[in-house]
Amino acid sequence: MIDQIVIATNNLHKVGEIMDIFEEAKLKSIFLTPKQLKKPPTVVEDGATFTANALKKARELCAHSGLTTVADDSGLVVDALEGQPGILSARWGGVSMA
């Protein structure tokens, strides 16, 4: 079993959701957020898709920590706005939610 897992977000709600998934699967691990790592990198979410951003976060934090890392990226995709704000959801209103 994996002893330590980095959850590549500082959003405490997302951390809780991911921990719940592992608990439901009956996997016991110690979870860390980037803030708990020594000098974590600032990952620029400049991918063209939610998947690209999640992979970038997971890969960079895994490379930094050497630990198994999980990440996600999400946002609002509104058909009436031609898919916007999409990957820019957190910045759409002018305030970052990260």
PDB file of N, CA and C in Angstrom:
ATOM      1  N   MET A   1       0.841  -1.183   0.000  1.00  0.00           N
ATOM      2  CA  MET A   1       0.000   0.000   0.000  1.00  0.00           C
ATOM      3  C   MET A   1       0.889   1.252   0.000  1.00  0.00           C
ATOM      4  N   ILE A   2       0.381   2.305  -0.569  1.00  0.00           N
ATOM      5  CA  ILE A   2       1.086   3.579  -0.617  1.00  0.00           C
ATOM      6  C   ILE A   2       0.932   4.260   0.741  1.00  0.00           C
ATOM      7  N   ASP A   3       2.057   4.660   1.346  1.00  0.00           N
ATOM      8  CA  ASP A   3       2.007   5.279   2.665  1.00  0.00           C
ATOM      9  C   ASP A   3       1.631   6.750   2.616  1.00  0.00           C
ATOM     10  N   GLN A   4       2.211   7.483   1.671  1.00  0.00           N
ATOM     11  CA  GLN A   4       1.956   8.921   1.585  1.00  0.00           C
ATOM     12  C   GLN A   4       1.517   9.281   0.169  1.00  0.00           C
ATOM     13  N   ILE A   5       0.520  10.137   0.101  1.00  0.00           N
ATOM     14  CA  ILE A   5       0.006  10.607  -1.178  1.00  0.00           C
ATOM     15  C   ILE A   5      -0.114  12.118  -1.116  1.00  0.00           C
ATOM     16  N   VAL A   6       0.401  12.783  -2.139  1.00  0.00           N
ATOM     17  CA  VAL A   6       0.240  14.230  -2.248  1.00  0.00           C
ATOM     18  C   VAL A   6      -1.035  14.500  -3.038  1.00  0.00           C
ATOM     19  N   ILE A   7      -1.873  15.357  -2.495  1.00  0.00           N
ATOM     20  CA  ILE A   7      -3.057  15.828  -3.210  1.00  0.00           C
ATOM     21  C   ILE A   7      -2.701  17.207  -3.741  1.00  0.00           C
ATOM     22  N   ALA A   8      -2.607  17.319  -5.049  1.00  0.00           N
ATOM     23  CA  ALA A   8      -2.040  18.507  -5.688  1.00  0.00           C
ATOM     24  C   ALA A   8      -3.028  19.671  -5.747  1.00  0.00           C
ATOM     25  N   THR A   9      -3.471  20.098  -4.571  1.00  0.00           N
ATOM     26  CA  THR A   9      -4.323  21.278  -4.465  1.00  0.00           C
ATOM     27  C   THR A   9      -4.222  21.836  -3.058  1.00  0.00           C
ATOM     28  N   ASN A  10      -4.438  23.124  -2.932  1.00  0.00           N
ATOM     29  CA  ASN A  10      -4.547  23.742  -1.612  1.00  0.00           C
ATOM     30  C   ASN A  10      -6.000  24.049  -1.279  1.00  0.00           C
ATOM     31  N   ASN A  11      -6.917  23.638  -2.152  1.00  0.00           N
ATOM     32  CA  ASN A  11      -8.344  23.827  -1.937  1.00  0.00           C
ATOM     33  C   ASN A  11      -8.811  22.751  -0.953  1.00  0.00           C
ATOM     34  N   LEU A  12      -9.128  23.151   0.268  1.00  0.00           N
ATOM     35  CA  LEU A  12      -9.468  22.187   1.312  1.00  0.00           C
ATOM     36  C   LEU A  12     -10.714  21.383   0.988  1.00  0.00           C
ATOM     37  N   HIS A  13     -11.662  21.965   0.250  1.00  0.00           N
ATOM     38  CA  HIS A  13     -12.861  21.213  -0.152  1.00  0.00           C
ATOM     39  C   HIS A  13     -12.469  20.066  -1.081  1.00  0.00           C
ATOM     40  N   LYS A  14     -11.603  20.353  -2.059  1.00  0.00           N
ATOM     41  CA  LYS A  14     -11.153  19.295  -2.971  1.00  0.00           C
ATOM     42  C   LYS A  14     -10.346  18.235  -2.221  1.00  0.00           C
ATOM     43  N   VAL A  15      -9.511  18.654  -1.280  1.00  0.00           N
ATOM     44  CA  VAL A  15      -8.746  17.698  -0.472  1.00  0.00           C
ATOM     45  C   VAL A  15      -9.711  16.747   0.228  1.00  0.00           C
ATOM     46  N   GLY A  16     -10.743  17.280   0.840  1.00  0.00           N
ATOM     47  CA  GLY A  16     -11.735  16.453   1.528  1.00  0.00           C
ATOM     48  C   GLY A  16     -12.431  15.483   0.595  1.00  0.00           C
ATOM     49  N   GLU A  17     -12.803  15.945  -0.597  1.00  0.00           N
ATOM     50  CA  GLU A  17     -13.464  15.075  -1.571  1.00  0.00           C
ATOM     51  C   GLU A  17     -12.559  13.914  -1.980  1.00  0.00           C
ATOM     52  N   ILE A  18     -11.300  14.203  -2.225  1.00  0.00           N
ATOM     53  CA  ILE A  18     -10.365  13.153  -2.643  1.00  0.00           C
ATOM     54  C   ILE A  18     -10.120  12.171  -1.496  1.00  0.00           C
ATOM     55  N   MET A  19      -9.980  12.681  -0.280  1.00  0.00           N
ATOM     56  CA  MET A  19      -9.791  11.799   0.876  1.00  0.00           C
ATOM     57  C   MET A  19     -11.002  10.893   1.068  1.00  0.00           C
ATOM     58  N   ASP A  20     -12.204  11.425   0.828  1.00  0.00           N
ATOM     59  CA  ASP A  20     -13.423  10.619   0.940  1.00  0.00           C
ATOM     60  C   ASP A  20     -13.414   9.462  -0.057  1.00  0.00           C
ATOM     61  N   ILE A  21     -12.936   9.721  -1.264  1.00  0.00           N
ATOM     62  CA  ILE A  21     -12.862   8.668  -2.280  1.00  0.00           C
ATOM     63  C   ILE A  21     -11.940   7.547  -1.808  1.00  0.00           C
ATOM     64  N   PHE A  22     -10.780   7.910  -1.258  1.00  0.00           N
ATOM     65  CA  PHE A  22      -9.847   6.896  -0.769  1.00  0.00           C
ATOM     66  C   PHE A  22     -10.438   6.147   0.425  1.00  0.00           C
ATOM     67  N   GLU A  23     -11.152   6.849   1.297  1.00  0.00           N
ATOM     68  CA  GLU A  23     -11.767   6.201   2.454  1.00  0.00           C
ATOM     69  C   GLU A  23     -12.819   5.187   2.015  1.00  0.00           C
ATOM     70  N   GLU A  24     -13.647   5.572   1.033  1.00  0.00           N
ATOM     71  CA  GLU A  24     -14.674   4.656   0.519  1.00  0.00           C
ATOM     72  C   GLU A  24     -14.040   3.408  -0.084  1.00  0.00           C
ATOM     73  N   ALA A  25     -12.869   3.552  -0.675  1.00  0.00           N
ATOM     74  CA  ALA A  25     -12.155   2.422  -1.261  1.00  0.00           C
ATOM     75  C   ALA A  25     -11.373   1.644  -0.200  1.00  0.00           C
ATOM     76  N   LYS A  26     -11.501   2.078   1.042  1.00  0.00           N
ATOM     77  CA  LYS A  26     -10.833   1.447   2.180  1.00  0.00           C
ATOM     78  C   LYS A  26      -9.308   1.447   2.047  1.00  0.00           C
ATOM     79  N   LEU A  27      -8.788   2.518   1.469  1.00  0.00           N
ATOM     80  CA  LEU A  27      -7.347   2.700   1.361  1.00  0.00           C
ATOM     81  C   LEU A  27      -6.897   3.676   2.436  1.00  0.00           C
ATOM     82  N   LYS A  28      -5.963   3.272   3.221  1.00  0.00           N
ATOM     83  CA  LYS A  28      -5.468   4.115   4.309  1.00  0.00           C
ATOM     84  C   LYS A  28      -4.106   4.672   3.912  1.00  0.00           C
ATOM     85  N   SER A  29      -4.013   5.964   3.847  1.00  0.00           N
ATOM     86  CA  SER A  29      -2.759   6.619   3.505  1.00  0.00           C
ATOM     87  C   SER A  29      -2.671   7.929   4.269  1.00  0.00           C
ATOM     88  N   ILE A  30      -1.489   8.497   4.300  1.00  0.00           N
ATOM     89  CA  ILE A  30      -1.281   9.826   4.861  1.00  0.00           C
ATOM     90  C   ILE A  30      -1.308  10.797   3.690  1.00  0.00           C
ATOM     91  N   PHE A  31      -2.165  11.786   3.783  1.00  0.00           N
ATOM     92  CA  PHE A  31      -2.327  12.738   2.697  1.00  0.00           C
ATOM     93  C   PHE A  31      -1.606  14.040   3.009  1.00  0.00           C
ATOM     94  N   LEU A  32      -0.939  14.569   2.019  1.00  0.00           N
ATOM     95  CA  LEU A  32      -0.218  15.831   2.149  1.00  0.00           C
ATOM     96  C   LEU A  32      -0.712  16.788   1.077  1.00  0.00           C
ATOM     97  N   THR A  33      -0.714  18.065   1.398  1.00  0.00           N
ATOM     98  CA  THR A  33      -1.019  19.087   0.399  1.00  0.00           C
ATOM     99  C   THR A  33       0.295  19.778   0.029  1.00  0.00           C
ATOM    100  N   PRO A  34       0.319  20.526  -1.063  1.00  0.00           N
ATOM    101  CA  PRO A  34       1.556  21.223  -1.428  1.00  0.00           C
ATOM    102  C   PRO A  34       2.129  22.080  -0.305  1.00  0.00           C
ATOM    103  N   LYS A  35       1.273  22.686   0.496  1.00  0.00           N
ATOM    104  CA  LYS A  35       1.752  23.541   1.592  1.00  0.00           C
ATOM    105  C   LYS A  35       2.549  22.762   2.634  1.00  0.00           C
ATOM    106  N   GLN A  36       2.367  21.433   2.675  1.00  0.00           N
ATOM    107  CA  GLN A  36       3.078  20.610   3.645  1.00  0.00           C
ATOM    108  C   GLN A  36       4.421  20.108   3.110  1.00  0.00           C
ATOM    109  N   LEU A  37       4.714  20.405   1.854  1.00  0.00           N
ATOM    110  CA  LEU A  37       5.982  20.002   1.254  1.00  0.00           C
ATOM    111  C   LEU A  37       7.003  21.117   1.417  1.00  0.00           C
ATOM    112  N   LYS A  38       8.263  20.755   1.408  1.00  0.00           N
ATOM    113  CA  LYS A  38       9.331  21.743   1.498  1.00  0.00           C
ATOM    114  C   LYS A  38       9.480  22.433   0.144  1.00  0.00           C
ATOM    115  N   LYS A  39       9.284  23.740   0.130  1.00  0.00           N
ATOM    116  CA  LYS A  39       9.422  24.577  -1.067  1.00  0.00           C
ATOM    117  C   LYS A  39       8.731  23.980  -2.296  1.00  0.00           C
ATOM    118  N   PRO A  40       7.412  23.787  -2.222  1.00  0.00           N
ATOM    119  CA  PRO A  40       6.719  23.208  -3.376  1.00  0.00           C
ATOM    120  C   PRO A  40       6.753  24.161  -4.569  1.00  0.00           C
ATOM    121  N   PRO A  41       6.771  23.605  -5.772  1.00  0.00           N
ATOM    122  CA  PRO A  41       6.764  24.466  -6.953  1.00  0.00           C
ATOM    123  C   PRO A  41       5.399  25.122  -7.122  1.00  0.00           C
ATOM    124  N   THR A  42       5.391  26.284  -7.725  1.00  0.00           N
ATOM    125  CA  THR A  42       4.143  26.916  -8.119  1.00  0.00           C
ATOM    126  C   THR A  42       3.839  26.408  -9.518  1.00  0.00           C
ATOM    127  N   VAL A  43       2.767  25.681  -9.652  1.00  0.00           N
ATOM    128  CA  VAL A  43       2.418  25.094 -10.942  1.00  0.00           C
ATOM    129  C   VAL A  43       1.520  26.068 -11.693  1.00  0.00           C
ATOM    130  N   VAL A  44       1.954  26.472 -12.843  1.00  0.00           N
ATOM    131  CA  VAL A  44       1.163  27.366 -13.693  1.00  0.00           C
ATOM    132  C   VAL A  44       0.193  26.505 -14.484  1.00  0.00           C
ATOM    133  N   GLU A  45      -1.099  26.721 -14.247  1.00  0.00           N
ATOM    134  CA  GLU A  45      -2.123  25.933 -14.928  1.00  0.00           C
ATOM    135  C   GLU A  45      -2.418  26.574 -16.283  1.00  0.00           C
ATOM    136  N   ASP A  46      -1.558  26.253 -17.256  1.00  0.00           N
ATOM    137  CA  ASP A  46      -1.692  26.857 -18.577  1.00  0.00           C
ATOM    138  C   ASP A  46      -2.085  25.846 -19.648  1.00  0.00           C
ATOM    139  N   GLY A  47      -2.594  24.696 -19.206  1.00  0.00           N
ATOM    140  CA  GLY A  47      -3.043  23.684 -20.147  1.00  0.00           C
ATOM    141  C   GLY A  47      -4.306  24.129 -20.863  1.00  0.00           C
ATOM    142  N   ALA A  48      -4.589  23.500 -21.981  1.00  0.00           N
ATOM    143  CA  ALA A  48      -5.764  23.845 -22.783  1.00  0.00           C
ATOM    144  C   ALA A  48      -7.025  23.116 -22.314  1.00  0.00           C
ATOM    145  N   THR A  49      -6.858  22.136 -21.408  1.00  0.00           N
ATOM    146  CA  THR A  49      -7.990  21.350 -20.932  1.00  0.00           C
ATOM    147  C   THR A  49      -7.869  21.115 -19.431  1.00  0.00           C
ATOM    148  N   PHE A  50      -8.981  20.686 -18.820  1.00  0.00           N
ATOM    149  CA  PHE A  50      -8.936  20.321 -17.405  1.00  0.00           C
ATOM    150  C   PHE A  50      -7.948  19.170 -17.195  1.00  0.00           C
ATOM    151  N   THR A  51      -7.956  18.203 -18.095  1.00  0.00           N
ATOM    152  CA  THR A  51      -7.055  17.055 -17.983  1.00  0.00           C
ATOM    153  C   THR A  51      -5.597  17.491 -18.049  1.00  0.00           C
ATOM    154  N   ALA A  52      -5.272  18.368 -18.987  1.00  0.00           N
ATOM    155  CA  ALA A  52      -3.887  18.838 -19.112  1.00  0.00           C
ATOM    156  C   ALA A  52      -3.427  19.538 -17.843  1.00  0.00           C
ATOM    157  N   ASN A  53      -4.282  20.351 -17.250  1.00  0.00           N
ATOM    158  CA  ASN A  53      -3.906  21.048 -16.008  1.00  0.00           C
ATOM    159  C   ASN A  53      -3.728  20.077 -14.854  1.00  0.00           C
ATOM    160  N   ALA A  54      -4.619  19.090 -14.739  1.00  0.00           N
ATOM    161  CA  ALA A  54      -4.503  18.107 -13.658  1.00  0.00           C
ATOM    162  C   ALA A  54      -3.224  17.287 -13.808  1.00  0.00           C
ATOM    163  N   LEU A  55      -2.930  16.856 -15.024  1.00  0.00           N
ATOM    164  CA  LEU A  55      -1.704  16.091 -15.253  1.00  0.00           C
ATOM    165  C   LEU A  55      -0.461  16.917 -14.933  1.00  0.00           C
ATOM    166  N   LYS A  56      -0.487  18.180 -15.311  1.00  0.00           N
ATOM    167  CA  LYS A  56       0.668  19.047 -15.044  1.00  0.00           C
ATOM    168  C   LYS A  56       0.906  19.188 -13.545  1.00  0.00           C
ATOM    169  N   LYS A  57      -0.171  19.427 -12.776  1.00  0.00           N
ATOM    170  CA  LYS A  57      -0.035  19.550 -11.328  1.00  0.00           C
ATOM    171  C   LYS A  57       0.506  18.260 -10.718  1.00  0.00           C
ATOM    172  N   ALA A  58      -0.080  17.127 -11.120  1.00  0.00           N
ATOM    173  CA  ALA A  58       0.347  15.842 -10.555  1.00  0.00           C
ATOM    174  C   ALA A  58       1.801  15.541 -10.893  1.00  0.00           C
ATOM    175  N   ARG A  59       2.177  15.756 -12.134  1.00  0.00           N
ATOM    176  CA  ARG A  59       3.543  15.436 -12.558  1.00  0.00           C
ATOM    177  C   ARG A  59       4.579  16.319 -11.864  1.00  0.00           C
ATOM    178  N   GLU A  60       4.308  17.631 -11.783  1.00  0.00           N
ATOM    179  CA  GLU A  60       5.290  18.536 -11.174  1.00  0.00           C
ATOM    180  C   GLU A  60       5.446  18.279  -9.674  1.00  0.00           C
ATOM    181  N   LEU A  61       4.337  18.037  -8.987  1.00  0.00           N
ATOM    182  CA  LEU A  61       4.440  17.791  -7.547  1.00  0.00           C
ATOM    183  C   LEU A  61       5.013  16.413  -7.263  1.00  0.00           C
ATOM    184  N   CYS A  62       4.743  15.440  -8.117  1.00  0.00           N
ATOM    185  CA  CYS A  62       5.352  14.118  -7.962  1.00  0.00           C
ATOM    186  C   CYS A  62       6.857  14.205  -8.171  1.00  0.00           C
ATOM    187  N   ALA A  63       7.281  14.924  -9.211  1.00  0.00           N
ATOM    188  CA  ALA A  63       8.715  15.084  -9.468  1.00  0.00           C
ATOM    189  C   ALA A  63       9.401  15.794  -8.307  1.00  0.00           C
ATOM    190  N   HIS A  64       8.716  16.771  -7.723  1.00  0.00           N
ATOM    191  CA  HIS A  64       9.293  17.535  -6.612  1.00  0.00           C
ATOM    192  C   HIS A  64       9.395  16.691  -5.340  1.00  0.00           C
ATOM    193  N   SER A  65       8.324  15.966  -5.027  1.00  0.00           N
ATOM    194  CA  SER A  65       8.252  15.259  -3.754  1.00  0.00           C
ATOM    195  C   SER A  65       8.756  13.818  -3.806  1.00  0.00           C
ATOM    196  N   GLY A  66       8.697  13.206  -4.990  1.00  0.00           N
ATOM    197  CA  GLY A  66       9.034  11.790  -5.096  1.00  0.00           C
ATOM    198  C   GLY A  66       7.933  10.890  -4.575  1.00  0.00           C
ATOM    199  N   LEU A  67       6.768  11.474  -4.313  1.00  0.00           N
ATOM    200  CA  LEU A  67       5.640  10.724  -3.758  1.00  0.00           C
ATOM    201  C   LEU A  67       4.530  10.561  -4.797  1.00  0.00           C
ATOM    202  N   THR A  68       3.730   9.524  -4.624  1.00  0.00           N
ATOM    203  CA  THR A  68       2.545   9.363  -5.454  1.00  0.00           C
ATOM    204  C   THR A  68       1.697  10.613  -5.295  1.00  0.00           C
ATOM    205  N   THR A  69       1.184  11.120  -6.401  1.00  0.00           N
ATOM    206  CA  THR A  69       0.437  12.373  -6.376  1.00  0.00           C
ATOM    207  C   THR A  69      -0.830  12.244  -7.201  1.00  0.00           C
ATOM    208  N   VAL A  70      -1.921  12.781  -6.679  1.00  0.00           N
ATOM    209  CA  VAL A  70      -3.176  12.843  -7.418  1.00  0.00           C
ATOM    210  C   VAL A  70      -3.573  14.308  -7.564  1.00  0.00           C
ATOM    211  N   ALA A  71      -4.269  14.601  -8.659  1.00  0.00           N
ATOM    212  CA  ALA A  71      -4.697  15.977  -8.908  1.00  0.00           C
ATOM    213  C   ALA A  71      -5.976  15.952  -9.716  1.00  0.00           C
ATOM    214  N   ASP A  72      -6.668  17.065  -9.679  1.00  0.00           N
ATOM    215  CA  ASP A  72      -7.822  17.239 -10.552  1.00  0.00           C
ATOM    216  C   ASP A  72      -7.848  18.690 -10.996  1.00  0.00           C
ATOM    217  N   ASP A  73      -8.683  18.977 -11.941  1.00  0.00           N
ATOM    218  CA  ASP A  73      -8.948  20.348 -12.348  1.00  0.00           C
ATOM    219  C   ASP A  73     -10.391  20.364 -12.786  1.00  0.00           C
ATOM    220  N   SER A  74     -11.095  21.416 -12.461  1.00  0.00           N
ATOM    221  CA  SER A  74     -12.508  21.472 -12.803  1.00  0.00           C
ATOM    222  C   SER A  74     -12.933  22.916 -12.993  1.00  0.00           C
ATOM    223  N   GLY A  75     -14.123  23.077 -13.478  1.00  0.00           N
ATOM    224  CA  GLY A  75     -14.665  24.406 -13.681  1.00  0.00           C
ATOM    225  C   GLY A  75     -16.049  24.309 -14.307  1.00  0.00           C
ATOM    226  N   LEU A  76     -16.560  25.437 -14.664  1.00  0.00           N
ATOM    227  CA  LEU A  76     -17.890  25.517 -15.271  1.00  0.00           C
ATOM    228  C   LEU A  76     -17.765  25.607 -16.787  1.00  0.00           C
ATOM    229  N   VAL A  77     -18.547  24.802 -17.462  1.00  0.00           N
ATOM    230  CA  VAL A  77     -18.612  24.844 -18.915  1.00  0.00           C
ATOM    231  C   VAL A  77     -20.069  25.126 -19.260  1.00  0.00           C
ATOM    232  N   VAL A  78     -20.338  26.328 -19.743  1.00  0.00           N
ATOM    233  CA  VAL A  78     -21.715  26.772 -19.992  1.00  0.00           C
ATOM    234  C   VAL A  78     -21.968  26.810 -21.497  1.00  0.00           C
ATOM    235  N   ASP A  79     -22.913  25.977 -21.950  1.00  0.00           N
ATOM    236  CA  ASP A  79     -23.230  25.919 -23.385  1.00  0.00           C
ATOM    237  C   ASP A  79     -23.628  27.280 -23.944  1.00  0.00           C
ATOM    238  N   ALA A  80     -24.444  28.026 -23.187  1.00  0.00           N
ATOM    239  CA  ALA A  80     -24.929  29.329 -23.663  1.00  0.00           C
ATOM    240  C   ALA A  80     -23.783  30.342 -23.806  1.00  0.00           C
ATOM    241  N   LEU A  81     -22.657  30.069 -23.179  1.00  0.00           N
ATOM    242  CA  LEU A  81     -21.480  30.936 -23.289  1.00  0.00           C
ATOM    243  C   LEU A  81     -20.401  30.273 -24.142  1.00  0.00           C
ATOM    244  N   GLU A  82     -20.824  29.374 -25.012  1.00  0.00           N
ATOM    245  CA  GLU A  82     -19.912  28.657 -25.907  1.00  0.00           C
ATOM    246  C   GLU A  82     -18.780  27.956 -25.160  1.00  0.00           C
ATOM    247  N   GLY A  83     -19.143  27.317 -24.038  1.00  0.00           N
ATOM    248  CA  GLY A  83     -18.184  26.544 -23.259  1.00  0.00           C
ATOM    249  C   GLY A  83     -17.400  27.324 -22.237  1.00  0.00           C
ATOM    250  N   GLN A  84     -17.610  28.613 -22.175  1.00  0.00           N
ATOM    251  CA  GLN A  84     -16.886  29.444 -21.219  1.00  0.00           C
ATOM    252  C   GLN A  84     -17.569  29.373 -19.855  1.00  0.00           C
ATOM    253  N   PRO A  85     -16.903  29.608 -18.766  1.00  0.00           N
ATOM    254  CA  PRO A  85     -15.505  29.985 -18.659  1.00  0.00           C
ATOM    255  C   PRO A  85     -14.530  28.815 -18.755  1.00  0.00           C
ATOM    256  N   GLY A  86     -14.993  27.583 -18.647  1.00  0.00           N
ATOM    257  CA  GLY A  86     -14.106  26.428 -18.827  1.00  0.00           C
ATOM    258  C   GLY A  86     -12.921  26.447 -17.890  1.00  0.00           C
ATOM    259  N   ILE A  87     -11.726  26.260 -18.461  1.00  0.00           N
ATOM    260  CA  ILE A  87     -10.521  26.180 -17.625  1.00  0.00           C
ATOM    261  C   ILE A  87     -10.198  27.483 -16.925  1.00  0.00           C
ATOM    262  N   LEU A  88     -10.880  28.558 -17.300  1.00  0.00           N
ATOM    263  CA  LEU A  88     -10.637  29.861 -16.663  1.00  0.00           C
ATOM    264  C   LEU A  88     -11.673  30.183 -15.585  1.00  0.00           C
ATOM    265  N   SER A  89     -12.437  29.186 -15.154  1.00  0.00           N
ATOM    266  CA  SER A  89     -13.524  29.414 -14.198  1.00  0.00           C
ATOM    267  C   SER A  89     -13.084  30.156 -12.947  1.00  0.00           C
ATOM    268  N   ALA A  90     -11.969  29.756 -12.352  1.00  0.00           N
ATOM    269  CA  ALA A  90     -11.519  30.387 -11.106  1.00  0.00           C
ATOM    270  C   ALA A  90     -11.148  31.845 -11.314  1.00  0.00           C
ATOM    271  N   ARG A  91     -10.785  32.208 -12.534  1.00  0.00           N
ATOM    272  CA  ARG A  91     -10.369  33.586 -12.799  1.00  0.00           C
ATOM    273  C   ARG A  91     -11.473  34.413 -13.478  1.00  0.00           C
ATOM    274  N   TRP A  92     -12.566  33.768 -13.827  1.00  0.00           N
ATOM    275  CA  TRP A  92     -13.652  34.424 -14.571  1.00  0.00           C
ATOM    276  C   TRP A  92     -14.172  35.663 -13.850  1.00  0.00           C
ATOM    277  N   GLY A  93     -14.383  35.565 -12.564  1.00  0.00           N
ATOM    278  CA  GLY A  93     -14.924  36.686 -11.794  1.00  0.00           C
ATOM    279  C   GLY A  93     -13.868  37.645 -11.289  1.00  0.00           C
ATOM    280  N   GLY A  94     -12.614  37.412 -11.622  1.00  0.00           N
ATOM    281  CA  GLY A  94     -11.543  38.301 -11.201  1.00  0.00           C
ATOM    282  C   GLY A  94     -10.885  37.932  -9.890  1.00  0.00           C
ATOM    283  N   VAL A  95     -11.364  36.871  -9.240  1.00  0.00           N
ATOM    284  CA  VAL A  95     -10.797  36.450  -7.970  1.00  0.00           C
ATOM    285  C   VAL A  95     -10.403  34.990  -8.080  1.00  0.00           C
ATOM    286  N   SER A  96      -9.155  34.675  -7.774  1.00  0.00           N
ATOM    287  CA  SER A  96      -8.695  33.296  -7.815  1.00  0.00           C
ATOM    288  C   SER A  96      -9.228  32.561  -6.607  1.00  0.00           C
ATOM    289  N   MET A  97      -9.728  31.349  -6.806  1.00  0.00           N
ATOM    290  CA  MET A  97     -10.263  30.518  -5.724  1.00  0.00           C
ATOM    291  C   MET A  97      -9.213  29.551  -5.197  1.00  0.00           C
ATOM    292  N   ALA A  98      -8.029  29.545  -5.755  1.00  0.00           N
ATOM    293  CA  ALA A  98      -7.002  28.569  -5.356  1.00  0.00           C
ATOM    294  C   ALA A  98      -6.438  28.860  -3.997  1.00  0.00           C
TER     295      ALA A  98
END
